[in-house]
């Protein structure tokens, strides 16, 4: 059973990804700057983790009328989506980590 990979290569943007012999995603474009997509995905994951840390710090700050930003439905939903993407249920609290 073969599955079609419809996501474009994060390194070159071509729709040429396939599962290589080692089981990892690989781009078949000869001039692709990163044919083994693993390092590109790791960089994207690191950027997403940084964004999550920033969102958590924002959510912990007071907004208006004594409410926290985390009570904002848009920010709360964004936090949930980012945590789900990173498969993190309870990410570390950057405020507690700094102290």
PDB file of N, CA and C in Angstrom:
ATOM      1  N   UNK A   1       0.844  -1.171   0.000  1.00  0.00           N
ATOM      2  CA  UNK A   1       0.000   0.000   0.000  1.00  0.00           C
ATOM      3  C   UNK A   1       0.893   1.239   0.000  1.00  0.00           C
ATOM      4  N   UNK A   2       0.701   2.113  -0.952  1.00  0.00           N
ATOM      5  CA  UNK A   2       1.515   3.320  -1.015  1.00  0.00           C
ATOM      6  C   UNK A   2       0.630   4.530  -0.778  1.00  0.00           C
ATOM      7  N   UNK A   3       1.183   5.490  -0.064  1.00  0.00           N
ATOM      8  CA  UNK A   3       0.444   6.708   0.233  1.00  0.00           C
ATOM      9  C   UNK A   3       1.032   7.856  -0.570  1.00  0.00           C
ATOM     10  N   UNK A   4       0.173   8.702  -1.091  1.00  0.00           N
ATOM     11  CA  UNK A   4       0.622   9.860  -1.834  1.00  0.00           C
ATOM     12  C   UNK A   4       0.948  10.978  -0.854  1.00  0.00           C
ATOM     13  N   UNK A   5       2.106  11.589  -1.050  1.00  0.00           N
ATOM     14  CA  UNK A   5       2.516  12.705  -0.202  1.00  0.00           C
ATOM     15  C   UNK A   5       2.198  13.981  -0.959  1.00  0.00           C
ATOM     16  N   UNK A   6       1.268  14.750  -0.433  1.00  0.00           N
ATOM     17  CA  UNK A   6       0.807  15.938  -1.141  1.00  0.00           C
ATOM     18  C   UNK A   6       1.441  17.226  -0.615  1.00  0.00           C
ATOM     19  N   UNK A   7       2.169  17.147   0.477  1.00  0.00           N
ATOM     20  CA  UNK A   7       2.819  18.327   1.043  1.00  0.00           C
ATOM     21  C   UNK A   7       4.057  18.668   0.221  1.00  0.00           C
ATOM     22  N   UNK A   8       4.246  19.943  -0.117  1.00  0.00           N
ATOM     23  CA  UNK A   8       5.450  20.303  -0.869  1.00  0.00           C
ATOM     24  C   UNK A   8       6.703  20.204   0.007  1.00  0.00           C
ATOM     25  N   UNK A   9       7.825  20.043  -0.639  1.00  0.00           N
ATOM     26  CA  UNK A   9       9.110  19.991   0.058  1.00  0.00           C
ATOM     27  C   UNK A   9       9.336  21.331   0.766  1.00  0.00           C
ATOM     28  N   UNK A  10       9.635  21.327   2.074  1.00  0.00           N
ATOM     29  CA  UNK A  10       9.847  22.591   2.778  1.00  0.00           C
ATOM     30  C   UNK A  10      11.126  23.308   2.351  1.00  0.00           C
ATOM     31  N   UNK A  11      12.051  22.598   1.719  1.00  0.00           N
ATOM     32  CA  UNK A  11      13.308  23.217   1.309  1.00  0.00           C
ATOM     33  C   UNK A  11      13.210  23.892  -0.053  1.00  0.00           C
ATOM     34  N   UNK A  12      12.529  23.241  -1.024  1.00  0.00           N
ATOM     35  CA  UNK A  12      12.498  23.812  -2.384  1.00  0.00           C
ATOM     36  C   UNK A  12      11.090  24.115  -2.886  1.00  0.00           C
ATOM     37  N   UNK A  13      10.066  23.616  -2.194  1.00  0.00           N
ATOM     38  CA  UNK A  13       8.688  23.906  -2.585  1.00  0.00           C
ATOM     39  C   UNK A  13       8.104  22.988  -3.634  1.00  0.00           C
ATOM     40  N   UNK A  14       8.883  22.063  -4.144  1.00  0.00           N
ATOM     41  CA  UNK A  14       8.380  21.139  -5.172  1.00  0.00           C
ATOM     42  C   UNK A  14       7.498  20.062  -4.553  1.00  0.00           C
ATOM     43  N   UNK A  15       6.577  19.550  -5.322  1.00  0.00           N
ATOM     44  CA  UNK A  15       5.692  18.469  -4.862  1.00  0.00           C
ATOM     45  C   UNK A  15       6.297  17.133  -5.261  1.00  0.00           C
ATOM     46  N   UNK A  16       7.477  16.861  -4.740  1.00  0.00           N
ATOM     47  CA  UNK A  16       8.225  15.680  -5.170  1.00  0.00           C
ATOM     48  C   UNK A  16       8.714  14.837  -3.998  1.00  0.00           C
ATOM     49  N   UNK A  17       8.062  14.926  -2.857  1.00  0.00           N
ATOM     50  CA  UNK A  17       8.480  14.150  -1.697  1.00  0.00           C
ATOM     51  C   UNK A  17       8.071  12.696  -1.839  1.00  0.00           C
ATOM     52  N   UNK A  18       8.938  11.826  -1.351  1.00  0.00           N
ATOM     53  CA  UNK A  18       8.629  10.402  -1.298  1.00  0.00           C
ATOM     54  C   UNK A  18       9.285   9.832  -0.053  1.00  0.00           C
ATOM     55  N   UNK A  19       8.894   8.637   0.334  1.00  0.00           N
ATOM     56  CA  UNK A  19       9.490   7.981   1.497  1.00  0.00           C
ATOM     57  C   UNK A  19      10.704   7.218   1.013  1.00  0.00           C
ATOM     58  N   UNK A  20      11.879   7.635   1.508  1.00  0.00           N
ATOM     59  CA  UNK A  20      13.141   7.027   1.087  1.00  0.00           C
ATOM     60  C   UNK A  20      13.347   5.655   1.691  1.00  0.00           C
ATOM     61  N   UNK A  21      14.457   5.029   1.315  1.00  0.00           N
ATOM     62  CA  UNK A  21      14.739   3.660   1.755  1.00  0.00           C
ATOM     63  C   UNK A  21      14.905   3.556   3.271  1.00  0.00           C
ATOM     64  N   UNK A  22      15.331   4.628   3.925  1.00  0.00           N
ATOM     65  CA  UNK A  22      15.480   4.608   5.378  1.00  0.00           C
ATOM     66  C   UNK A  22      14.206   4.956   6.114  1.00  0.00           C
ATOM     67  N   UNK A  23      13.126   5.245   5.369  1.00  0.00           N
ATOM     68  CA  UNK A  23      11.847   5.567   5.984  1.00  0.00           C
ATOM     69  C   UNK A  23      11.606   7.048   6.175  1.00  0.00           C
ATOM     70  N   UNK A  24      12.579   7.899   5.837  1.00  0.00           N
ATOM     71  CA  UNK A  24      12.414   9.336   5.996  1.00  0.00           C
ATOM     72  C   UNK A  24      11.931   9.982   4.716  1.00  0.00           C
ATOM     73  N   UNK A  25      11.354  11.174   4.854  1.00  0.00           N
ATOM     74  CA  UNK A  25      10.906  11.908   3.667  1.00  0.00           C
ATOM     75  C   UNK A  25      12.115  12.433   2.907  1.00  0.00           C
ATOM     76  N   UNK A  26      12.054  12.302   1.598  1.00  0.00           N
ATOM     77  CA  UNK A  26      13.145  12.718   0.726  1.00  0.00           C
ATOM     78  C   UNK A  26      12.558  13.439  -0.470  1.00  0.00           C
ATOM     79  N   UNK A  27      13.268  14.456  -0.940  1.00  0.00           N
ATOM     80  CA  UNK A  27      12.851  15.195  -2.133  1.00  0.00           C
ATOM     81  C   UNK A  27      13.617  14.641  -3.329  1.00  0.00           C
ATOM     82  N   UNK A  28      12.912  14.435  -4.437  1.00  0.00           N
ATOM     83  CA  UNK A  28      13.552  13.863  -5.621  1.00  0.00           C
ATOM     84  C   UNK A  28      14.119  14.906  -6.581  1.00  0.00           C
ATOM     85  N   UNK A  29      13.983  16.200  -6.263  1.00  0.00           N
ATOM     86  CA  UNK A  29      14.519  17.237  -7.143  1.00  0.00           C
ATOM     87  C   UNK A  29      16.042  17.258  -7.009  1.00  0.00           C
ATOM     88  N   UNK A  30      16.742  17.157  -8.141  1.00  0.00           N
ATOM     89  CA  UNK A  30      18.209  17.098  -8.136  1.00  0.00           C
ATOM     90  C   UNK A  30      18.826  18.336  -7.468  1.00  0.00           C
ATOM     91  N   UNK A  31      18.311  19.531  -7.723  1.00  0.00           N
ATOM     92  CA  UNK A  31      18.890  20.749  -7.171  1.00  0.00           C
ATOM     93  C   UNK A  31      18.340  21.168  -5.816  1.00  0.00           C
ATOM     94  N   UNK A  32      17.581  20.310  -5.163  1.00  0.00           N
ATOM     95  CA  UNK A  32      16.995  20.664  -3.856  1.00  0.00           C
ATOM     96  C   UNK A  32      18.118  20.914  -2.841  1.00  0.00           C
ATOM     97  N   UNK A  33      18.054  22.049  -2.135  1.00  0.00           N
ATOM     98  CA  UNK A  33      19.118  22.358  -1.173  1.00  0.00           C
ATOM     99  C   UNK A  33      19.121  21.434   0.053  1.00  0.00           C
ATOM    100  N   UNK A  34      18.039  20.751   0.310  1.00  0.00           N
ATOM    101  CA  UNK A  34      17.935  19.878   1.488  1.00  0.00           C
ATOM    102  C   UNK A  34      17.092  18.650   1.130  1.00  0.00           C
ATOM    103  N   UNK A  35      17.637  17.728   0.283  1.00  0.00           N
ATOM    104  CA  UNK A  35      16.816  16.596  -0.166  1.00  0.00           C
ATOM    105  C   UNK A  35      16.358  15.680   0.970  1.00  0.00           C
ATOM    106  N   UNK A  36      17.155  15.573   2.021  1.00  0.00           N
ATOM    107  CA  UNK A  36      16.709  14.845   3.204  1.00  0.00           C
ATOM    108  C   UNK A  36      15.976  15.868   4.054  1.00  0.00           C
ATOM    109  N   UNK A  37      14.680  15.765   4.143  1.00  0.00           N
ATOM    110  CA  UNK A  37      13.823  16.810   4.686  1.00  0.00           C
ATOM    111  C   UNK A  37      13.888  16.893   6.214  1.00  0.00           C
ATOM    112  N   UNK A  38      14.507  15.925   6.848  1.00  0.00           N
ATOM    113  CA  UNK A  38      14.525  15.864   8.312  1.00  0.00           C
ATOM    114  C   UNK A  38      15.054  17.149   8.948  1.00  0.00           C
ATOM    115  N   UNK A  39      16.193  17.682   8.472  1.00  0.00           N
ATOM    116  CA  UNK A  39      16.752  18.879   9.109  1.00  0.00           C
ATOM    117  C   UNK A  39      15.843  20.087   8.916  1.00  0.00           C
ATOM    118  N   UNK A  40      15.163  20.163   7.768  1.00  0.00           N
ATOM    119  CA  UNK A  40      14.232  21.275   7.526  1.00  0.00           C
ATOM    120  C   UNK A  40      13.034  21.180   8.478  1.00  0.00           C
ATOM    121  N   UNK A  41      12.524  19.969   8.670  1.00  0.00           N
ATOM    122  CA  UNK A  41      11.418  19.788   9.611  1.00  0.00           C
ATOM    123  C   UNK A  41      11.859  20.090  11.044  1.00  0.00           C
ATOM    124  N   UNK A  42      13.091  19.713  11.386  1.00  0.00           N
ATOM    125  CA  UNK A  42      13.594  20.022  12.729  1.00  0.00           C
ATOM    126  C   UNK A  42      13.690  21.529  12.933  1.00  0.00           C
ATOM    127  N   UNK A  43      14.112  22.273  11.907  1.00  0.00           N
ATOM    128  CA  UNK A  43      14.182  23.733  12.005  1.00  0.00           C
ATOM    129  C   UNK A  43      12.786  24.324  12.161  1.00  0.00           C
ATOM    130  N   UNK A  44      11.817  23.805  11.414  1.00  0.00           N
ATOM    131  CA  UNK A  44      10.443  24.284  11.536  1.00  0.00           C
ATOM    132  C   UNK A  44       9.881  23.977  12.919  1.00  0.00           C
ATOM    133  N   UNK A  45      10.192  22.808  13.442  1.00  0.00           N
ATOM    134  CA  UNK A  45       9.726  22.434  14.785  1.00  0.00           C
ATOM    135  C   UNK A  45      10.330  23.370  15.836  1.00  0.00           C
ATOM    136  N   UNK A  46      11.619  23.695  15.693  1.00  0.00           N
ATOM    137  CA  UNK A  46      12.266  24.599  16.644  1.00  0.00           C
ATOM    138  C   UNK A  46      11.608  25.983  16.596  1.00  0.00           C
ATOM    139  N   UNK A  47      11.286  26.450  15.401  1.00  0.00           N
ATOM    140  CA  UNK A  47      10.618  27.747  15.268  1.00  0.00           C
ATOM    141  C   UNK A  47       9.235  27.706  15.911  1.00  0.00           C
ATOM    142  N   UNK A  48       8.521  26.591  15.740  1.00  0.00           N
ATOM    143  CA  UNK A  48       7.200  26.440  16.345  1.00  0.00           C
ATOM    144  C   UNK A  48       7.302  26.399  17.871  1.00  0.00           C
ATOM    145  N   UNK A  49       8.334  25.741  18.400  1.00  0.00           N
ATOM    146  CA  UNK A  49       8.529  25.710  19.848  1.00  0.00           C
ATOM    147  C   UNK A  49       8.826  27.106  20.390  1.00  0.00           C
ATOM    148  N   UNK A  50       9.616  27.900  19.651  1.00  0.00           N
ATOM    149  CA  UNK A  50       9.877  29.283  20.060  1.00  0.00           C
ATOM    150  C   UNK A  50       8.585  30.102  20.070  1.00  0.00           C
ATOM    151  N   UNK A  51       7.763  29.898  19.040  1.00  0.00           N
ATOM    152  CA  UNK A  51       6.487  30.612  18.966  1.00  0.00           C
ATOM    153  C   UNK A  51       5.589  30.226  20.136  1.00  0.00           C
ATOM    154  N   UNK A  52       5.589  28.956  20.505  1.00  0.00           N
ATOM    155  CA  UNK A  52       4.779  28.500  21.635  1.00  0.00           C
ATOM    156  C   UNK A  52       5.244  29.157  22.928  1.00  0.00           C
ATOM    157  N   UNK A  53       6.543  29.242  23.133  1.00  0.00           N
ATOM    158  CA  UNK A  53       7.080  29.892  24.325  1.00  0.00           C
ATOM    159  C   UNK A  53       6.628  31.348  24.386  1.00  0.00           C
ATOM    160  N   UNK A  54       6.670  32.040  23.247  1.00  0.00           N
ATOM    161  CA  UNK A  54       6.224  33.430  23.190  1.00  0.00           C
ATOM    162  C   UNK A  54       4.732  33.536  23.487  1.00  0.00           C
ATOM    163  N   UNK A  55       3.925  32.652  22.907  1.00  0.00           N
ATOM    164  CA  UNK A  55       2.485  32.679  23.152  1.00  0.00           C
ATOM    165  C   UNK A  55       2.164  32.433  24.628  1.00  0.00           C
ATOM    166  N   UNK A  56       2.893  31.524  25.250  1.00  0.00           N
ATOM    167  CA  UNK A  56       2.656  31.234  26.664  1.00  0.00           C
ATOM    168  C   UNK A  56       2.985  32.461  27.510  1.00  0.00           C
ATOM    169  N   UNK A  57       4.088  33.136  27.170  1.00  0.00           N
ATOM    170  CA  UNK A  57       4.465  34.342  27.916  1.00  0.00           C
ATOM    171  C   UNK A  57       3.409  35.432  27.747  1.00  0.00           C
ATOM    172  N   UNK A  58       2.890  35.603  26.530  1.00  0.00           N
ATOM    173  CA  UNK A  58       1.844  36.593  26.280  1.00  0.00           C
ATOM    174  C   UNK A  58       0.579  36.228  27.050  1.00  0.00           C
ATOM    175  N   UNK A  59       0.228  34.956  27.038  1.00  0.00           N
ATOM    176  CA  UNK A  59      -0.998  34.497  27.696  1.00  0.00           C
ATOM    177  C   UNK A  59      -0.951  34.719  29.198  1.00  0.00           C
ATOM    178  N   UNK A  60       0.239  34.749  29.762  1.00  0.00           N
ATOM    179  CA  UNK A  60       0.374  34.910  31.210  1.00  0.00           C
ATOM    180  C   UNK A  60       0.330  36.376  31.640  1.00  0.00           C
ATOM    181  N   UNK A  61       0.287  37.298  30.688  1.00  0.00           N
ATOM    182  CA  UNK A  61       0.275  38.730  31.008  1.00  0.00           C
ATOM    183  C   UNK A  61      -1.161  39.242  31.153  1.00  0.00           C
ATOM    184  N   UNK A  62      -1.378  40.199  32.052  1.00  0.00           N
ATOM    185  CA  UNK A  62      -2.716  40.789  32.172  1.00  0.00           C
ATOM    186  C   UNK A  62      -3.071  41.575  30.906  1.00  0.00           C
ATOM    187  N   UNK A  63      -4.302  41.471  30.487  1.00  0.00           N
ATOM    188  CA  UNK A  63      -4.776  42.221  29.326  1.00  0.00           C
ATOM    189  C   UNK A  63      -5.539  43.435  29.829  1.00  0.00           C
ATOM    190  N   UNK A  64      -6.843  43.328  29.930  1.00  0.00           N
ATOM    191  CA  UNK A  64      -7.664  44.432  30.429  1.00  0.00           C
ATOM    192  C   UNK A  64      -8.586  43.909  31.516  1.00  0.00           C
ATOM    193  N   UNK A  65      -9.024  44.774  32.373  1.00  0.00           N
ATOM    194  CA  UNK A  65      -9.984  44.454  33.439  1.00  0.00           C
ATOM    195  C   UNK A  65      -9.505  43.287  34.295  1.00  0.00           C
ATOM    196  N   UNK A  66      -8.171  43.155  34.444  1.00  0.00           N
ATOM    197  CA  UNK A  66      -7.632  42.119  35.318  1.00  0.00           C
ATOM    198  C   UNK A  66      -7.672  40.718  34.746  1.00  0.00           C
ATOM    199  N   UNK A  67      -8.093  40.574  33.491  1.00  0.00           N
ATOM    200  CA  UNK A  67      -8.132  39.246  32.880  1.00  0.00           C
ATOM    201  C   UNK A  67      -6.792  38.943  32.219  1.00  0.00           C
ATOM    202  N   UNK A  68      -6.450  37.672  32.120  1.00  0.00           N
ATOM    203  CA  UNK A  68      -5.230  37.267  31.429  1.00  0.00           C
ATOM    204  C   UNK A  68      -5.497  37.142  29.938  1.00  0.00           C
ATOM    205  N   UNK A  69      -4.441  37.319  29.151  1.00  0.00           N
ATOM    206  CA  UNK A  69      -4.566  37.140  27.701  1.00  0.00           C
ATOM    207  C   UNK A  69      -5.029  35.720  27.366  1.00  0.00           C
ATOM    208  N   UNK A  70      -4.694  34.757  28.198  1.00  0.00           N
ATOM    209  CA  UNK A  70      -5.079  33.369  27.937  1.00  0.00           C
ATOM    210  C   UNK A  70      -6.591  33.196  27.903  1.00  0.00           C
ATOM    211  N   UNK A  71      -7.323  34.149  28.486  1.00  0.00           N
ATOM    212  CA  UNK A  71      -8.783  34.078  28.456  1.00  0.00           C
ATOM    213  C   UNK A  71      -9.343  34.544  27.116  1.00  0.00           C
ATOM    214  N   UNK A  72      -8.482  35.096  26.261  1.00  0.00           N
ATOM    215  CA  UNK A  72      -8.896  35.498  24.915  1.00  0.00           C
ATOM    216  C   UNK A  72      -9.095  34.224  24.091  1.00  0.00           C
ATOM    217  N   UNK A  73     -10.291  34.008  23.517  1.00  0.00           N
ATOM    218  CA  UNK A  73     -10.553  32.757  22.801  1.00  0.00           C
ATOM    219  C   UNK A  73      -9.620  32.524  21.613  1.00  0.00           C
ATOM    220  N   UNK A  74      -9.228  33.577  20.925  1.00  0.00           N
ATOM    221  CA  UNK A  74      -8.339  33.406  19.773  1.00  0.00           C
ATOM    222  C   UNK A  74      -6.960  32.947  20.221  1.00  0.00           C
ATOM    223  N   UNK A  75      -6.413  33.576  21.241  1.00  0.00           N
ATOM    224  CA  UNK A  75      -5.100  33.186  21.748  1.00  0.00           C
ATOM    225  C   UNK A  75      -5.159  31.788  22.351  1.00  0.00           C
ATOM    226  N   UNK A  76      -6.221  31.506  23.095  1.00  0.00           N
ATOM    227  CA  UNK A  76      -6.370  30.181  23.684  1.00  0.00           C
ATOM    228  C   UNK A  76      -6.439  29.091  22.620  1.00  0.00           C
ATOM    229  N   UNK A  77      -7.187  29.330  21.559  1.00  0.00           N
ATOM    230  CA  UNK A  77      -7.296  28.342  20.470  1.00  0.00           C
ATOM    231  C   UNK A  77      -5.968  28.170  19.753  1.00  0.00           C
ATOM    232  N   UNK A  78      -5.230  29.273  19.596  1.00  0.00           N
ATOM    233  CA  UNK A  78      -3.920  29.188  18.957  1.00  0.00           C
ATOM    234  C   UNK A  78      -2.959  28.364  19.802  1.00  0.00           C
ATOM    235  N   UNK A  79      -2.975  28.588  21.108  1.00  0.00           N
ATOM    236  CA  UNK A  79      -2.136  27.792  22.003  1.00  0.00           C
ATOM    237  C   UNK A  79      -2.461  26.303  21.882  1.00  0.00           C
ATOM    238  N   UNK A  80      -3.728  25.978  21.839  1.00  0.00           N
ATOM    239  CA  UNK A  80      -4.145  24.577  21.722  1.00  0.00           C
ATOM    240  C   UNK A  80      -3.627  23.972  20.417  1.00  0.00           C
ATOM    241  N   UNK A  81      -3.777  24.719  19.308  1.00  0.00           N
ATOM    242  CA  UNK A  81      -3.317  24.201  18.002  1.00  0.00           C
ATOM    243  C   UNK A  81      -1.802  24.006  17.971  1.00  0.00           C
ATOM    244  N   UNK A  82      -1.062  24.949  18.528  1.00  0.00           N
ATOM    245  CA  UNK A  82       0.395  24.832  18.518  1.00  0.00           C
ATOM    246  C   UNK A  82       0.831  23.674  19.416  1.00  0.00           C
ATOM    247  N   UNK A  83       0.222  23.560  20.590  1.00  0.00           N
ATOM    248  CA  UNK A  83       0.552  22.435  21.473  1.00  0.00           C
ATOM    249  C   UNK A  83       0.252  21.103  20.798  1.00  0.00           C
ATOM    250  N   UNK A  84      -0.887  21.030  20.108  1.00  0.00           N
ATOM    251  CA  UNK A  84      -1.255  19.791  19.417  1.00  0.00           C
ATOM    252  C   UNK A  84      -0.242  19.476  18.323  1.00  0.00           C
ATOM    253  N   UNK A  85       0.172  20.501  17.575  1.00  0.00           N
ATOM    254  CA  UNK A  85       1.143  20.294  16.498  1.00  0.00           C
ATOM    255  C   UNK A  85       2.472  19.776  17.042  1.00  0.00           C
ATOM    256  N   UNK A  86       2.849  20.248  18.221  1.00  0.00           N
ATOM    257  CA  UNK A  86       4.101  19.814  18.846  1.00  0.00           C
ATOM    258  C   UNK A  86       3.922  18.575  19.716  1.00  0.00           C
ATOM    259  N   UNK A  87       2.675  18.116  19.833  1.00  0.00           N
ATOM    260  CA  UNK A  87       2.332  16.975  20.687  1.00  0.00           C
ATOM    261  C   UNK A  87       2.752  17.227  22.129  1.00  0.00           C
ATOM    262  N   UNK A  88       2.534  18.474  22.570  1.00  0.00           N
ATOM    263  CA  UNK A  88       2.828  18.867  23.949  1.00  0.00           C
ATOM    264  C   UNK A  88       1.519  19.214  24.634  1.00  0.00           C
ATOM    265  N   UNK A  89       1.260  18.561  25.747  1.00  0.00           N
ATOM    266  CA  UNK A  89       0.029  18.837  26.474  1.00  0.00           C
ATOM    267  C   UNK A  89       0.250  19.933  27.508  1.00  0.00           C
ATOM    268  N   UNK A  90       1.369  19.910  28.190  1.00  0.00           N
ATOM    269  CA  UNK A  90       1.668  20.921  29.196  1.00  0.00           C
ATOM    270  C   UNK A  90       3.091  21.408  28.968  1.00  0.00           C
ATOM    271  N   UNK A  91       3.271  22.377  28.057  1.00  0.00           N
ATOM    272  CA  UNK A  91       4.622  22.872  27.822  1.00  0.00           C
ATOM    273  C   UNK A  91       5.144  23.617  29.039  1.00  0.00           C
ATOM    274  N   UNK A  92       6.453  23.710  29.106  1.00  0.00           N
ATOM    275  CA  UNK A  92       7.060  24.388  30.251  1.00  0.00           C
ATOM    276  C   UNK A  92       6.633  25.860  30.277  1.00  0.00           C
ATOM    277  N   UNK A  93       6.517  26.379  31.463  1.00  0.00           N
ATOM    278  CA  UNK A  93       6.123  27.773  31.666  1.00  0.00           C
ATOM    279  C   UNK A  93       7.380  28.638  31.617  1.00  0.00           C
ATOM    280  N   UNK A  94       7.517  29.533  30.613  1.00  0.00           N
ATOM    281  CA  UNK A  94       8.750  30.325  30.493  1.00  0.00           C
ATOM    282  C   UNK A  94       8.952  31.288  31.652  1.00  0.00           C
ATOM    283  N   UNK A  95       7.877  31.694  32.311  1.00  0.00           N
ATOM    284  CA  UNK A  95       8.014  32.606  33.452  1.00  0.00           C
ATOM    285  C   UNK A  95       8.609  31.860  34.641  1.00  0.00           C
ATOM    286  N   UNK A  96       8.134  30.666  34.906  1.00  0.00           N
ATOM    287  CA  UNK A  96       8.691  29.869  36.003  1.00  0.00           C
ATOM    288  C   UNK A  96      10.126  29.470  35.702  1.00  0.00           C
ATOM    289  N   UNK A  97      10.410  29.180  34.428  1.00  0.00           N
ATOM    290  CA  UNK A  97      11.753  28.743  34.032  1.00  0.00           C
ATOM    291  C   UNK A  97      12.761  29.870  34.246  1.00  0.00           C
ATOM    292  N   UNK A  98      12.356  31.128  34.027  1.00  0.00           N
ATOM    293  CA  UNK A  98      13.250  32.268  34.157  1.00  0.00           C
ATOM    294  C   UNK A  98      13.596  32.584  35.599  1.00  0.00           C
ATOM    295  N   UNK A  99      12.751  32.183  36.531  1.00  0.00           N
ATOM    296  CA  UNK A  99      13.001  32.539  37.935  1.00  0.00           C
ATOM    297  C   UNK A  99      13.888  31.533  38.631  1.00  0.00           C
TER     298      UNK A  99
END
